[in-house]
Amino acid sequence: MRKRGGEKMERSAWLANLINKWFDLMNTRLNYGYNKDLIPYKDVYDPRLMWLSETFINELDNWKGSTKVSPPGSYVCTRPINQDPLEAFFGQVRRTGGSNEAPDVNSYGQYQNIISCMKQYKQVKESNVEIVD
């Protein structure tokens, strides 16, 4: 969001990251892979619980307060943050990579280019051209 939207998306990206971390911390599981926020809680003094009870709540309160005094036109649209399209896109990126389920930055860029090219060459409905395998 930050790369594509620049400064205009800064606040939305911040909110998306905040909510994503909250979601991960509320969705712990035994098979957590590379995401350490998904590790199950084993101790009441786990720093992630402190983050949930203090940092997360304070950040939300600060954001709420800032929305009351923001100038006209300053807002966060949550529709582009919806997780379903993002999951669908990253699922497509993972499928493009075959067995590589955790692409690095370079692989991600290559897969994204492949997906972009595939969309450009989609068959137009009701055209007089057939796609031959």
Protein backbone atom coordinates (compact mmCIF):
# COMPACT_ATOMS: atom_id res chain seq x y z
CA MET A 1 0.00 0.00 0.00
CA ARG A 2 2.80 2.39 0.86
CA LYS A 3 4.75 1.69 -2.32
CA ARG A 4 1.81 2.09 -4.67
CA GLY A 5 -0.18 4.77 -2.88
CA GLY A 6 2.65 6.85 -1.46
CA GLU A 7 1.81 9.41 1.17
CA LYS A 8 -1.92 9.21 0.46
CA MET A 9 -1.98 5.58 1.63
CA GLU A 10 0.35 6.00 4.62
CA ARG A 11 -2.41 6.13 7.23
CA SER A 12 -4.36 3.27 5.62
CA ALA A 13 -1.18 1.15 5.51
CA TRP A 14 -0.54 1.91 9.18
CA LEU A 15 -4.08 0.84 10.10
CA ALA A 16 -3.81 -2.32 7.96
CA ASN A 17 -0.55 -3.29 9.70
CA LEU A 18 -2.06 -2.64 13.13
CA ILE A 19 -5.14 -4.75 12.41
CA ASN A 20 -3.05 -7.48 10.75
CA LYS A 21 -0.87 -7.82 13.87
CA TRP A 22 -3.97 -7.89 16.10
CA PHE A 23 -5.53 -10.57 13.89
CA ASP A 24 -2.35 -12.70 14.00
CA LEU A 25 -2.13 -12.42 17.79
CA MET A 26 -5.77 -13.47 18.07
CA ASN A 27 -5.25 -16.39 15.68
CA THR A 28 -2.38 -18.36 17.26
CA ARG A 29 -1.91 -21.98 16.26
CA LEU A 30 0.55 -24.84 16.57
CA ASN A 31 1.68 -24.73 12.96
CA TYR A 32 2.78 -21.09 12.81
CA GLY A 33 5.46 -21.29 10.09
CA TYR A 34 7.60 -18.18 9.84
CA ASN A 35 5.18 -15.79 11.61
CA LYS A 36 6.23 -15.58 15.26
CA ASP A 37 3.01 -13.74 16.17
CA LEU A 38 1.11 -17.00 15.58
CA ILE A 39 3.01 -18.97 18.24
CA PRO A 40 0.61 -20.13 20.99
CA TYR A 41 0.79 -18.23 24.29
CA LYS A 42 2.55 -20.15 27.07
CA ASP A 43 3.01 -17.43 29.65
CA VAL A 44 0.78 -14.66 31.01
CA TYR A 45 3.80 -12.33 30.77
CA ASP A 46 4.17 -12.86 27.03
CA PRO A 47 5.08 -9.44 25.53
CA ARG A 48 2.49 -9.96 22.81
CA LEU A 49 -0.25 -9.89 25.45
CA MET A 50 1.18 -6.59 26.68
CA TRP A 51 1.07 -5.29 23.10
CA LEU A 52 -2.60 -6.32 22.84
CA SER A 53 -3.64 -4.83 26.17
CA GLU A 54 -1.63 -1.60 25.98
CA THR A 55 -0.10 -0.71 22.64
CA PHE A 56 -2.98 -1.85 20.44
CA ILE A 57 -5.63 -0.17 22.58
CA ASN A 58 -3.60 3.07 22.83
CA GLU A 59 -3.01 3.13 19.07
CA LEU A 60 -6.73 2.71 18.41
CA ASP A 61 -7.58 5.45 20.92
CA ASN A 62 -5.03 7.80 19.31
CA TRP A 63 -6.40 7.03 15.86
CA LYS A 64 -9.96 7.61 17.06
CA GLY A 65 -8.93 10.96 18.53
CA SER A 66 -7.14 11.98 15.35
CA THR A 67 -10.23 11.30 13.23
CA LYS A 68 -12.21 13.85 15.25
CA VAL A 69 -9.79 16.70 14.54
CA SER A 70 -8.72 15.76 11.01
CA PRO A 71 -9.22 18.34 8.29
CA PRO A 72 -11.94 17.68 5.69
CA GLY A 73 -10.83 15.05 3.20
CA SER A 74 -8.60 13.23 5.70
CA TYR A 75 -9.95 9.71 6.11
CA VAL A 76 -9.26 5.99 5.91
CA CYS A 77 -11.21 3.89 3.42
CA THR A 78 -11.35 0.30 4.63
CA ARG A 79 -12.63 -1.27 1.40
CA PRO A 80 -9.14 -1.54 -0.15
CA ILE A 81 -7.92 -3.15 3.08
CA ASN A 82 -10.38 -6.04 2.80
CA GLN A 83 -8.44 -9.26 3.27
CA ASP A 84 -10.26 -11.38 0.64
CA PRO A 85 -8.86 -9.68 -2.49
CA LEU A 86 -5.40 -9.59 -0.92
CA GLU A 87 -5.55 -13.27 -0.04
CA ALA A 88 -6.76 -14.08 -3.56
CA PHE A 89 -3.91 -12.09 -5.11
CA PHE A 90 -1.21 -13.59 -2.91
CA GLY A 91 -2.71 -17.04 -3.49
CA GLN A 92 -2.29 -16.40 -7.21
CA VAL A 93 1.31 -15.31 -6.61
CA ARG A 94 1.99 -18.52 -4.64
CA ARG A 95 0.40 -20.67 -7.37
CA THR A 96 2.53 -18.95 -10.00
CA GLY A 97 5.60 -19.97 -8.01
CA GLY A 98 4.66 -23.64 -8.07
CA SER A 99 6.03 -25.32 -4.96
CA ASN A 100 7.58 -22.09 -3.62
CA GLU A 101 5.02 -21.13 -0.95
CA ALA A 102 7.15 -18.37 0.57
CA PRO A 103 8.64 -16.34 -2.28
CA ASP A 104 11.35 -13.79 -1.53
CA VAL A 105 11.09 -10.21 -2.79
CA ASN A 106 12.76 -10.98 -6.15
CA SER A 107 10.55 -14.01 -6.81
CA TYR A 108 7.47 -12.03 -5.83
CA GLY A 109 8.35 -9.34 -8.38
CA GLN A 110 8.84 -11.95 -11.11
CA TYR A 111 5.53 -13.67 -10.27
CA GLN A 112 3.70 -10.34 -10.24
CA ASN A 113 5.09 -9.53 -13.71
CA ILE A 114 3.96 -12.94 -14.99
CA ILE A 115 0.46 -12.39 -13.60
CA SER A 116 0.30 -8.89 -15.13
CA CYS A 117 1.30 -10.27 -18.55
CA MET A 118 -1.25 -13.07 -18.31
CA LYS A 119 -4.03 -10.54 -17.69
CA GLN A 120 -3.02 -8.50 -20.77
CA TYR A 121 -3.42 -11.51 -23.05
CA LYS A 122 -6.79 -12.70 -21.79
CA GLN A 123 -9.24 -13.58 -24.54
CA VAL A 124 -11.86 -10.93 -25.17
CA LYS A 125 -15.42 -12.24 -24.84
CA GLU A 126 -17.30 -12.60 -28.12
CA SER A 127 -14.12 -12.12 -30.15
CA ASN A 128 -13.35 -13.93 -33.38
CA VAL A 129 -10.07 -15.32 -32.01
CA GLU A 130 -9.58 -18.73 -30.43
CA ILE A 131 -6.86 -19.62 -27.93
CA VAL A 132 -4.92 -22.66 -29.11
CA ASP A 133 -3.00 -24.71 -26.55
